[in-house]
Amino acid sequence: MQSNKQNTALLVMDMQTAILGMIPNKEEFAANVTKAITHARSKNIPVLYVVVGFRTGTPEISLQNKSFALSKERFATVDVNEWMKIDPSVAPLPTDVIITKRRVSAFTGSDLEVVLRAQGIQHIILTGIATSGVVLSTLREAADKDYKITVISDCCADMDEEVHRVLTTKVFPRQADVVTHEEWYSL
């Protein structure tokens, strides 16, 4: 394994088949993420996959949590291991790190920060579903933790296109560099 001289990692977040299936233009979106993954690997930038997941019976989900409580009953009948599978269109390599989170932010309830510190990562590049969910929450927490942050706007998706646009053009630039996947290749 070659060294990562950039102290950078690409985070591919919530690209689970069940989640990817909910967004429009999923094929085009997945193709953009795949290109970003390929570019990262060509530059020896580690690709870290983050999935949201729970144990059988979802003991991690509190009924006080408005976002997740609605899903608690649904998860009771779902094979959580199957639900957590990353879509084959952006599949990890056997050597890639897969991190399981228990809330919206990639940091919350996961060992992401331990993995980043162990690899000397100071710059994270964010991709994933949803822009208003995992990307927003992870960006805010990463900024508070003093990471350098880049968001690849066309490698993030949201069920609400207007929310995606506002976040990537007005909110995220306050704390991160926001680029398209093609712009990222030239950096």
N, C-alpha and C. Protein backbone atom coordinates (compact mmCIF):
# COMPACT_ATOMS: atom_id res chain seq x y z
N MET A 1 0.85 -1.19 0.00
CA MET A 1 0.00 0.00 0.00
C MET A 1 0.88 1.24 0.00
N GLN A 2 0.67 2.12 -0.96
CA GLN A 2 1.45 3.34 -1.04
C GLN A 2 0.96 4.34 0.00
N SER A 3 1.85 5.24 0.38
CA SER A 3 1.45 6.20 1.41
C SER A 3 0.50 7.25 0.85
N ASN A 4 -0.29 7.80 1.73
CA ASN A 4 -1.25 8.84 1.39
C ASN A 4 -0.61 10.18 1.75
N LYS A 5 0.10 10.76 0.81
CA LYS A 5 0.83 12.00 1.06
C LYS A 5 -0.10 13.20 1.25
N GLN A 6 -1.33 13.07 0.81
CA GLN A 6 -2.27 14.18 0.92
C GLN A 6 -2.95 14.25 2.28
N ASN A 7 -2.80 13.23 3.13
CA ASN A 7 -3.52 13.17 4.40
C ASN A 7 -5.02 13.33 4.18
N THR A 8 -5.51 12.71 3.11
CA THR A 8 -6.88 12.88 2.64
C THR A 8 -7.57 11.53 2.55
N ALA A 9 -8.87 11.52 2.78
CA ALA A 9 -9.68 10.32 2.56
C ALA A 9 -11.00 10.72 1.90
N LEU A 10 -11.48 9.84 1.04
CA LEU A 10 -12.79 10.00 0.41
C LEU A 10 -13.80 9.19 1.23
N LEU A 11 -14.86 9.85 1.69
CA LEU A 11 -15.93 9.16 2.42
C LEU A 11 -17.11 8.92 1.48
N VAL A 12 -17.50 7.68 1.35
CA VAL A 12 -18.65 7.27 0.54
C VAL A 12 -19.72 6.85 1.54
N MET A 13 -20.73 7.70 1.71
CA MET A 13 -21.65 7.56 2.85
C MET A 13 -23.07 7.18 2.44
N ASP A 14 -23.59 6.18 3.14
CA ASP A 14 -24.98 5.72 3.00
C ASP A 14 -25.33 5.31 1.57
N MET A 15 -24.37 4.70 0.90
CA MET A 15 -24.60 4.23 -0.47
C MET A 15 -25.09 2.78 -0.45
N GLN A 16 -26.02 2.53 0.43
CA GLN A 16 -26.62 1.22 0.55
C GLN A 16 -27.69 1.07 -0.53
N THR A 17 -27.86 -0.14 -1.04
CA THR A 17 -28.82 -0.39 -2.11
C THR A 17 -30.21 0.13 -1.74
N ALA A 18 -30.64 -0.10 -0.52
CA ALA A 18 -31.98 0.33 -0.09
C ALA A 18 -32.11 1.85 -0.12
N ILE A 19 -31.05 2.56 0.20
CA ILE A 19 -31.09 4.03 0.23
C ILE A 19 -30.93 4.58 -1.19
N LEU A 20 -30.00 4.04 -1.96
CA LEU A 20 -29.76 4.50 -3.33
C LEU A 20 -31.02 4.36 -4.17
N GLY A 21 -31.80 3.31 -3.92
CA GLY A 21 -33.02 3.08 -4.68
C GLY A 21 -34.08 4.15 -4.50
N MET A 22 -33.94 5.00 -3.49
CA MET A 22 -34.94 6.03 -3.22
C MET A 22 -34.71 7.33 -3.98
N ILE A 23 -33.57 7.49 -4.63
CA ILE A 23 -33.30 8.78 -5.26
C ILE A 23 -33.53 8.72 -6.77
N PRO A 24 -33.97 9.83 -7.35
CA PRO A 24 -34.12 9.88 -8.80
C PRO A 24 -32.73 9.91 -9.46
N ASN A 25 -32.63 9.49 -10.68
CA ASN A 25 -31.37 9.48 -11.44
C ASN A 25 -30.27 8.71 -10.73
N LYS A 26 -30.64 7.59 -10.09
CA LYS A 26 -29.66 6.85 -9.29
C LYS A 26 -28.51 6.32 -10.13
N GLU A 27 -28.74 5.96 -11.39
CA GLU A 27 -27.66 5.43 -12.23
C GLU A 27 -26.60 6.50 -12.51
N GLU A 28 -27.05 7.70 -12.89
CA GLU A 28 -26.12 8.81 -13.16
C GLU A 28 -25.36 9.20 -11.89
N PHE A 29 -26.08 9.27 -10.79
CA PHE A 29 -25.47 9.61 -9.51
C PHE A 29 -24.43 8.56 -9.12
N ALA A 30 -24.78 7.28 -9.18
CA ALA A 30 -23.84 6.21 -8.82
C ALA A 30 -22.62 6.22 -9.74
N ALA A 31 -22.82 6.56 -11.01
CA ALA A 31 -21.69 6.65 -11.96
C ALA A 31 -20.73 7.76 -11.54
N ASN A 32 -21.25 8.89 -11.10
CA ASN A 32 -20.39 9.98 -10.62
C ASN A 32 -19.59 9.55 -9.39
N VAL A 33 -20.25 8.87 -8.45
CA VAL A 33 -19.57 8.41 -7.24
C VAL A 33 -18.49 7.39 -7.61
N THR A 34 -18.81 6.50 -8.54
CA THR A 34 -17.82 5.51 -8.99
C THR A 34 -16.60 6.19 -9.59
N LYS A 35 -16.80 7.23 -10.37
CA LYS A 35 -15.68 7.98 -10.96
C LYS A 35 -14.83 8.62 -9.86
N ALA A 36 -15.48 9.16 -8.83
CA ALA A 36 -14.74 9.75 -7.72
C ALA A 36 -13.93 8.69 -6.97
N ILE A 37 -14.52 7.53 -6.77
CA ILE A 37 -13.81 6.43 -6.11
C ILE A 37 -12.60 6.01 -6.94
N THR A 38 -12.79 5.86 -8.23
CA THR A 38 -11.69 5.47 -9.13
C THR A 38 -10.58 6.51 -9.09
N HIS A 39 -10.94 7.78 -9.11
CA HIS A 39 -9.94 8.86 -9.05
C HIS A 39 -9.19 8.81 -7.72
N ALA A 40 -9.90 8.65 -6.63
CA ALA A 40 -9.25 8.59 -5.31
C ALA A 40 -8.23 7.45 -5.28
N ARG A 41 -8.65 6.29 -5.74
CA ARG A 41 -7.73 5.13 -5.74
C ARG A 41 -6.51 5.39 -6.62
N SER A 42 -6.70 6.08 -7.74
CA SER A 42 -5.57 6.36 -8.64
C SER A 42 -4.56 7.31 -7.98
N LYS A 43 -5.01 8.08 -7.00
CA LYS A 43 -4.15 9.02 -6.27
C LYS A 43 -3.74 8.48 -4.90
N ASN A 44 -4.01 7.20 -4.67
CA ASN A 44 -3.69 6.55 -3.38
C ASN A 44 -4.38 7.22 -2.20
N ILE A 45 -5.58 7.73 -2.45
CA ILE A 45 -6.40 8.31 -1.39
C ILE A 45 -7.30 7.21 -0.86
N PRO A 46 -7.27 6.92 0.43
CA PRO A 46 -8.14 5.88 0.97
C PRO A 46 -9.61 6.19 0.75
N VAL A 47 -10.38 5.14 0.45
CA VAL A 47 -11.82 5.25 0.30
C VAL A 47 -12.43 4.58 1.52
N LEU A 48 -13.15 5.37 2.31
CA LEU A 48 -13.81 4.86 3.51
C LEU A 48 -15.31 4.85 3.27
N TYR A 49 -15.91 3.70 3.46
CA TYR A 49 -17.36 3.56 3.29
C TYR A 49 -18.02 3.70 4.65
N VAL A 50 -19.10 4.45 4.70
CA VAL A 50 -19.86 4.63 5.94
C VAL A 50 -21.29 4.17 5.64
N VAL A 51 -21.78 3.24 6.48
CA VAL A 51 -23.16 2.78 6.34
C VAL A 51 -23.90 3.03 7.64
N VAL A 52 -25.19 3.25 7.52
CA VAL A 52 -26.02 3.36 8.71
C VAL A 52 -26.58 1.97 8.98
N GLY A 53 -26.48 1.55 10.22
CA GLY A 53 -26.96 0.21 10.53
C GLY A 53 -27.24 0.02 12.00
N PHE A 54 -27.99 -1.03 12.26
CA PHE A 54 -28.43 -1.33 13.61
C PHE A 54 -28.34 -2.83 13.86
N ARG A 55 -28.34 -3.19 15.11
CA ARG A 55 -28.39 -4.60 15.50
C ARG A 55 -29.83 -5.10 15.31
N THR A 56 -29.97 -6.40 15.26
CA THR A 56 -31.30 -7.00 15.21
C THR A 56 -32.11 -6.51 16.42
N GLY A 57 -33.31 -6.07 16.15
CA GLY A 57 -34.15 -5.53 17.22
C GLY A 57 -33.94 -4.04 17.46
N THR A 58 -32.98 -3.45 16.81
CA THR A 58 -32.67 -2.02 16.85
C THR A 58 -32.60 -1.43 18.26
N PRO A 59 -31.79 -2.01 19.14
CA PRO A 59 -31.70 -1.45 20.49
C PRO A 59 -31.09 -0.05 20.50
N GLU A 60 -30.45 0.36 19.40
CA GLU A 60 -29.85 1.70 19.32
C GLU A 60 -30.86 2.79 19.03
N ILE A 61 -32.04 2.43 18.60
CA ILE A 61 -33.04 3.42 18.21
C ILE A 61 -33.94 3.76 19.40
N SER A 62 -33.87 5.01 19.80
CA SER A 62 -34.72 5.52 20.87
C SER A 62 -36.03 6.02 20.28
N LEU A 63 -37.10 5.81 20.98
CA LEU A 63 -38.39 6.34 20.53
C LEU A 63 -38.42 7.86 20.64
N GLN A 64 -37.44 8.44 21.34
CA GLN A 64 -37.31 9.91 21.44
C GLN A 64 -36.71 10.51 20.17
N ASN A 65 -36.05 9.67 19.35
CA ASN A 65 -35.39 10.15 18.15
C ASN A 65 -36.41 10.20 17.01
N LYS A 66 -36.86 11.39 16.68
CA LYS A 66 -37.92 11.57 15.70
C LYS A 66 -37.57 10.95 14.35
N SER A 67 -36.33 11.11 13.91
CA SER A 67 -35.92 10.58 12.61
C SER A 67 -35.94 9.06 12.55
N PHE A 68 -35.34 8.43 13.54
CA PHE A 68 -35.19 6.98 13.50
C PHE A 68 -36.37 6.22 14.11
N ALA A 69 -37.10 6.82 15.02
CA ALA A 69 -38.20 6.12 15.70
C ALA A 69 -39.24 5.61 14.70
N LEU A 70 -39.49 6.36 13.64
CA LEU A 70 -40.46 5.94 12.63
C LEU A 70 -40.03 4.65 11.94
N SER A 71 -38.73 4.39 11.89
CA SER A 71 -38.21 3.21 11.22
C SER A 71 -38.06 2.00 12.14
N LYS A 72 -38.13 2.22 13.43
CA LYS A 72 -37.89 1.14 14.39
C LYS A 72 -38.79 -0.07 14.14
N GLU A 73 -40.04 0.16 13.92
CA GLU A 73 -40.97 -0.94 13.67
C GLU A 73 -40.65 -1.64 12.35
N ARG A 74 -40.34 -0.86 11.33
CA ARG A 74 -40.00 -1.44 10.02
C ARG A 74 -38.75 -2.32 10.12
N PHE A 75 -37.75 -1.87 10.89
CA PHE A 75 -36.52 -2.64 11.02
C PHE A 75 -36.73 -3.95 11.77
N ALA A 76 -37.81 -4.07 12.51
CA ALA A 76 -38.08 -5.30 13.26
C ALA A 76 -38.28 -6.49 12.32
N THR A 77 -38.72 -6.22 11.10
CA THR A 77 -38.98 -7.31 10.14
C THR A 77 -37.96 -7.35 9.00
N VAL A 78 -36.92 -6.55 9.07
CA VAL A 78 -35.92 -6.47 8.00
C VAL A 78 -34.64 -7.17 8.44
N ASP A 79 -34.00 -7.86 7.49
CA ASP A 79 -32.68 -8.42 7.75
C ASP A 79 -31.70 -7.24 7.72
N VAL A 80 -31.25 -6.81 8.89
CA VAL A 80 -30.42 -5.60 8.96
C VAL A 80 -29.10 -5.77 8.21
N ASN A 81 -28.55 -6.97 8.18
CA ASN A 81 -27.31 -7.18 7.43
C ASN A 81 -27.52 -7.00 5.94
N GLU A 82 -28.66 -7.45 5.45
CA GLU A 82 -28.99 -7.27 4.03
C GLU A 82 -29.22 -5.78 3.74
N TRP A 83 -29.92 -5.09 4.65
CA TRP A 83 -30.24 -3.68 4.47
C TRP A 83 -28.97 -2.83 4.46
N MET A 84 -27.94 -3.25 5.17
CA MET A 84 -26.70 -2.47 5.28
C MET A 84 -25.76 -2.67 4.09
N LYS A 85 -26.08 -3.55 3.16
CA LYS A 85 -25.19 -3.84 2.03
C LYS A 85 -25.01 -2.63 1.13
N ILE A 86 -23.77 -2.37 0.80
CA ILE A 86 -23.42 -1.28 -0.11
C ILE A 86 -23.78 -1.70 -1.52
N ASP A 87 -24.34 -0.77 -2.29
CA ASP A 87 -24.77 -1.07 -3.64
C ASP A 87 -23.60 -1.56 -4.49
N PRO A 88 -23.80 -2.60 -5.28
CA PRO A 88 -22.72 -3.15 -6.11
C PRO A 88 -22.12 -2.13 -7.09
N SER A 89 -22.89 -1.12 -7.48
CA SER A 89 -22.38 -0.11 -8.42
C SER A 89 -21.23 0.71 -7.85
N VAL A 90 -21.12 0.74 -6.53
CA VAL A 90 -20.03 1.50 -5.87
C VAL A 90 -19.31 0.60 -4.84
N ALA A 91 -19.31 -0.68 -5.12
CA ALA A 91 -18.84 -1.68 -4.15
C ALA A 91 -17.42 -1.44 -3.66
N PRO A 92 -17.21 -1.67 -2.37
CA PRO A 92 -15.87 -1.53 -1.81
C PRO A 92 -14.97 -2.70 -2.23
N LEU A 93 -13.68 -2.45 -2.21
CA LEU A 93 -12.70 -3.51 -2.38
C LEU A 93 -12.53 -4.22 -1.04
N PRO A 94 -12.03 -5.42 -1.05
CA PRO A 94 -11.83 -6.13 0.22
C PRO A 94 -10.93 -5.37 1.20
N THR A 95 -10.06 -4.53 0.70
CA THR A 95 -9.14 -3.77 1.57
C THR A 95 -9.72 -2.45 2.07
N ASP A 96 -10.88 -2.04 1.55
CA ASP A 96 -11.49 -0.79 1.99
C ASP A 96 -12.09 -0.94 3.37
N VAL A 97 -12.07 0.14 4.12
CA VAL A 97 -12.65 0.16 5.46
C VAL A 97 -14.13 0.50 5.36
N ILE A 98 -14.96 -0.29 6.05
CA ILE A 98 -16.39 -0.01 6.13
C ILE A 98 -16.71 0.32 7.58
N ILE A 99 -17.31 1.48 7.76
CA ILE A 99 -17.63 1.99 9.10
C ILE A 99 -19.14 2.00 9.27
N THR A 100 -19.61 1.47 10.38
CA THR A 100 -21.05 1.49 10.67
C THR A 100 -21.34 2.58 11.68
N LYS A 101 -22.28 3.44 11.31
CA LYS A 101 -22.71 4.52 12.20
C LYS A 101 -24.11 4.20 12.70
N ARG A 102 -24.49 4.83 13.78
CA ARG A 102 -25.80 4.56 14.38
C ARG A 102 -26.76 5.74 14.31
N ARG A 103 -26.29 6.85 13.78
CA ARG A 103 -27.12 8.05 13.65
C ARG A 103 -26.84 8.69 12.28
N VAL A 104 -27.26 9.92 12.11
CA VAL A 104 -27.14 10.59 10.81
C VAL A 104 -25.69 10.93 10.49
N SER A 105 -24.96 11.55 11.40
CA SER A 105 -23.57 11.91 11.16
C SER A 105 -22.69 10.66 11.06
N ALA A 106 -21.72 10.69 10.18
CA ALA A 106 -20.78 9.56 10.05
C ALA A 106 -19.95 9.37 11.31
N PHE A 107 -19.85 10.39 12.13
CA PHE A 107 -19.06 10.30 13.36
C PHE A 107 -19.83 9.68 14.53
N THR A 108 -21.15 9.86 14.55
CA THR A 108 -21.93 9.49 15.73
C THR A 108 -22.17 7.99 15.81
N GLY A 109 -21.70 7.41 16.89
CA GLY A 109 -21.87 5.97 17.11
C GLY A 109 -20.99 5.11 16.25
N SER A 110 -19.90 5.69 15.72
CA SER A 110 -18.99 4.93 14.86
C SER A 110 -17.55 5.12 15.34
N ASP A 111 -16.65 4.41 14.68
CA ASP A 111 -15.23 4.57 14.96
C ASP A 111 -14.52 5.36 13.86
N LEU A 112 -15.27 6.18 13.13
CA LEU A 112 -14.70 6.96 12.03
C LEU A 112 -13.52 7.81 12.50
N GLU A 113 -13.68 8.53 13.59
CA GLU A 113 -12.61 9.42 14.04
C GLU A 113 -11.35 8.65 14.40
N VAL A 114 -11.50 7.46 14.98
CA VAL A 114 -10.35 6.63 15.31
C VAL A 114 -9.62 6.21 14.03
N VAL A 115 -10.37 5.81 13.01
CA VAL A 115 -9.78 5.40 11.73
C VAL A 115 -9.07 6.59 11.08
N LEU A 116 -9.69 7.76 11.08
CA LEU A 116 -9.06 8.94 10.48
C LEU A 116 -7.77 9.30 11.20
N ARG A 117 -7.79 9.31 12.51
CA ARG A 117 -6.58 9.63 13.29
C ARG A 117 -5.48 8.61 13.05
N ALA A 118 -5.84 7.34 13.02
CA ALA A 118 -4.85 6.27 12.83
C ALA A 118 -4.14 6.40 11.49
N GLN A 119 -4.83 6.94 10.50
CA GLN A 119 -4.24 7.09 9.16
C GLN A 119 -3.71 8.50 8.91
N GLY A 120 -3.75 9.35 9.92
CA GLY A 120 -3.24 10.71 9.77
C GLY A 120 -4.08 11.57 8.84
N ILE A 121 -5.35 11.27 8.71
CA ILE A 121 -6.24 12.00 7.81
C ILE A 121 -6.65 13.32 8.45
N GLN A 122 -6.45 14.40 7.71
CA GLN A 122 -6.84 15.73 8.16
C GLN A 122 -7.82 16.40 7.19
N HIS A 123 -7.98 15.79 6.01
CA HIS A 123 -8.84 16.35 4.96
C HIS A 123 -9.81 15.25 4.53
N ILE A 124 -11.10 15.51 4.66
CA ILE A 124 -12.08 14.53 4.22
C ILE A 124 -12.88 15.08 3.04
N ILE A 125 -13.15 14.19 2.10
CA ILE A 125 -13.92 14.53 0.92
C ILE A 125 -15.24 13.77 1.05
N LEU A 126 -16.35 14.50 1.02
CA LEU A 126 -17.65 13.91 1.32
C LEU A 126 -18.47 13.64 0.07
N THR A 127 -19.04 12.43 0.02
CA THR A 127 -20.02 12.04 -0.98
C THR A 127 -21.11 11.26 -0.25
N GLY A 128 -22.32 11.20 -0.82
CA GLY A 128 -23.32 10.35 -0.20
C GLY A 128 -24.75 10.82 -0.31
N ILE A 129 -25.61 10.02 0.32
CA ILE A 129 -27.05 10.24 0.35
C ILE A 129 -27.46 10.34 1.82
N ALA A 130 -28.04 11.34 2.24
CA ALA A 130 -28.65 12.48 1.59
C ALA A 130 -27.85 13.73 1.94
N THR A 131 -27.90 14.67 1.02
CA THR A 131 -27.21 15.94 1.23
C THR A 131 -27.69 16.59 2.53
N SER A 132 -29.00 16.52 2.78
CA SER A 132 -29.56 17.13 3.98
C SER A 132 -29.46 16.23 5.21
N GLY A 133 -28.91 15.05 5.04
CA GLY A 133 -28.76 14.10 6.13
C GLY A 133 -27.31 13.89 6.48
N VAL A 134 -26.75 12.77 6.03
CA VAL A 134 -25.39 12.39 6.40
C VAL A 134 -24.36 13.43 5.96
N VAL A 135 -24.52 14.04 4.80
CA VAL A 135 -23.52 15.00 4.32
C VAL A 135 -23.52 16.24 5.21
N LEU A 136 -24.69 16.81 5.44
CA LEU A 136 -24.81 17.99 6.30
C LEU A 136 -24.31 17.70 7.72
N SER A 137 -24.78 16.63 8.32
CA SER A 137 -24.40 16.33 9.70
C SER A 137 -22.91 16.03 9.84
N THR A 138 -22.36 15.29 8.89
CA THR A 138 -20.94 14.96 8.94
C THR A 138 -20.09 16.20 8.70
N LEU A 139 -20.50 17.04 7.75
CA LEU A 139 -19.77 18.28 7.48
C LEU A 139 -19.72 19.16 8.73
N ARG A 140 -20.86 19.35 9.38
CA ARG A 140 -20.91 20.21 10.57
C ARG A 140 -20.03 19.67 11.69
N GLU A 141 -20.11 18.36 11.93
CA GLU A 141 -19.30 17.78 13.00
C GLU A 141 -17.82 17.80 12.64
N ALA A 142 -17.49 17.52 11.37
CA ALA A 142 -16.08 17.56 10.93
C ALA A 142 -15.51 18.97 11.05
N ALA A 143 -16.31 19.98 10.74
CA ALA A 143 -15.85 21.36 10.88
C ALA A 143 -15.56 21.67 12.35
N ASP A 144 -16.41 21.21 13.24
CA ASP A 144 -16.19 21.43 14.68
C ASP A 144 -14.95 20.68 15.17
N LYS A 145 -14.56 19.62 14.46
CA LYS A 145 -13.39 18.84 14.83
C LYS A 145 -12.14 19.31 14.07
N ASP A 146 -12.26 20.41 13.32
CA ASP A 146 -11.15 21.05 12.62
C ASP A 146 -10.58 20.26 11.45
N TYR A 147 -11.41 19.46 10.79
CA TYR A 147 -10.98 18.80 9.56
C TYR A 147 -11.10 19.78 8.40
N LYS A 148 -10.24 19.64 7.42
CA LYS A 148 -10.41 20.32 6.14
C LYS A 148 -11.45 19.49 5.39
N ILE A 149 -12.41 20.14 4.75
CA ILE A 149 -13.54 19.42 4.15
C ILE A 149 -13.74 19.86 2.71
N THR A 150 -13.96 18.87 1.85
CA THR A 150 -14.38 19.12 0.48
C THR A 150 -15.65 18.31 0.26
N VAL A 151 -16.64 18.92 -0.38
CA VAL A 151 -17.87 18.23 -0.75
C VAL A 151 -17.90 18.15 -2.26
N ILE A 152 -18.11 16.95 -2.79
CA ILE A 152 -18.27 16.79 -4.24
C ILE A 152 -19.77 16.85 -4.50
N SER A 153 -20.22 18.00 -4.98
CA SER A 153 -21.67 18.29 -5.04
C SER A 153 -22.45 17.31 -5.90
N ASP A 154 -21.89 16.87 -7.03
CA ASP A 154 -22.64 15.95 -7.88
C ASP A 154 -22.41 14.49 -7.49
N CYS A 155 -21.76 14.29 -6.35
CA CYS A 155 -21.64 12.96 -5.74
C CYS A 155 -22.40 12.93 -4.42
N CYS A 156 -23.29 13.90 -4.26
CA CYS A 156 -24.22 13.95 -3.13
C CYS A 156 -25.61 14.04 -3.74
N ALA A 157 -26.58 13.44 -3.07
CA ALA A 157 -27.95 13.46 -3.60
C ALA A 157 -28.92 13.63 -2.45
N ASP A 158 -30.06 14.19 -2.79
CA ASP A 158 -31.11 14.39 -1.80
C ASP A 158 -32.45 14.17 -2.49
N MET A 159 -33.45 13.76 -1.73
CA MET A 159 -34.77 13.58 -2.31
C MET A 159 -35.40 14.91 -2.71
N ASP A 160 -34.90 16.00 -2.14
CA ASP A 160 -35.39 17.34 -2.45
C ASP A 160 -34.27 18.11 -3.15
N GLU A 161 -34.40 18.31 -4.44
CA GLU A 161 -33.36 18.95 -5.24
C GLU A 161 -33.09 20.39 -4.80
N GLU A 162 -34.14 21.11 -4.36
CA GLU A 162 -33.96 22.49 -3.90
C GLU A 162 -33.13 22.52 -2.62
N VAL A 163 -33.37 21.61 -1.72
CA VAL A 163 -32.58 21.54 -0.49
C VAL A 163 -31.12 21.25 -0.84
N HIS A 164 -30.90 20.31 -1.76
CA HIS A 164 -29.54 19.99 -2.22
C HIS A 164 -28.85 21.25 -2.76
N ARG A 165 -29.56 21.99 -3.60
CA ARG A 165 -28.99 23.20 -4.21
C ARG A 165 -28.64 24.24 -3.15
N VAL A 166 -29.54 24.50 -2.23
CA VAL A 166 -29.29 25.50 -1.19
C VAL A 166 -28.10 25.09 -0.32
N LEU A 167 -28.06 23.84 0.07
CA LEU A 167 -26.94 23.38 0.91
C LEU A 167 -25.61 23.50 0.18
N THR A 168 -25.55 23.03 -1.06
CA THR A 168 -24.27 23.00 -1.77
C THR A 168 -23.83 24.37 -2.29
N THR A 169 -24.75 25.30 -2.47
CA THR A 169 -24.36 26.61 -2.99
C THR A 169 -24.32 27.71 -1.94
N LYS A 170 -25.07 27.55 -0.84
CA LYS A 170 -25.15 28.63 0.14
C LYS A 170 -24.65 28.25 1.54
N VAL A 171 -24.91 27.03 1.98
CA VAL A 171 -24.58 26.64 3.35
C VAL A 171 -23.19 26.00 3.43
N PHE A 172 -22.94 24.96 2.65
CA PHE A 172 -21.68 24.23 2.74
C PHE A 172 -20.44 25.10 2.47
N PRO A 173 -20.48 26.05 1.52
CA PRO A 173 -19.27 26.84 1.26
C PRO A 173 -18.75 27.64 2.46
N ARG A 174 -19.56 27.80 3.48
CA ARG A 174 -19.11 28.49 4.69
C ARG A 174 -18.09 27.66 5.47
N GLN A 175 -18.13 26.33 5.29
CA GLN A 175 -17.26 25.46 6.07
C GLN A 175 -16.47 24.47 5.22
N ALA A 176 -16.69 24.45 3.91
CA ALA A 176 -16.05 23.45 3.06
C ALA A 176 -15.84 24.01 1.65
N ASP A 177 -14.92 23.38 0.94
CA ASP A 177 -14.80 23.63 -0.49
C ASP A 177 -15.85 22.75 -1.17
N VAL A 178 -16.60 23.31 -2.10
CA VAL A 178 -17.62 22.55 -2.81
C VAL A 178 -17.24 22.54 -4.28
N VAL A 179 -17.08 21.33 -4.83
CA VAL A 179 -16.66 21.15 -6.22
C VAL A 179 -17.50 20.05 -6.87
N THR A 180 -17.46 19.98 -8.20
CA THR A 180 -18.04 18.84 -8.90
C THR A 180 -16.97 17.76 -8.98
N HIS A 181 -17.36 16.56 -9.38
CA HIS A 181 -16.36 15.51 -9.47
C HIS A 181 -15.29 15.84 -10.52
N GLU A 182 -15.67 16.48 -11.61
CA GLU A 182 -14.70 16.84 -12.63
C GLU A 182 -13.73 17.92 -12.13
N GLU A 183 -14.24 18.89 -11.36
CA GLU A 183 -13.36 19.91 -10.77
C GLU A 183 -12.39 19.27 -9.78
N TRP A 184 -12.86 18.28 -9.04
CA TRP A 184 -12.00 17.63 -8.05
C TRP A 184 -10.80 16.95 -8.71
N TYR A 185 -11.00 16.40 -9.90
CA TYR A 185 -9.89 15.71 -10.59
C TYR A 185 -8.74 16.65 -10.90
N SER A 186 -9.05 17.91 -11.11
CA SER A 186 -8.00 18.87 -11.50
C SER A 186 -7.32 19.54 -10.31
N LEU A 187 -7.81 19.28 -9.08
CA LEU A 187 -7.21 19.89 -7.90
C LEU A 187 -5.89 19.20 -7.53
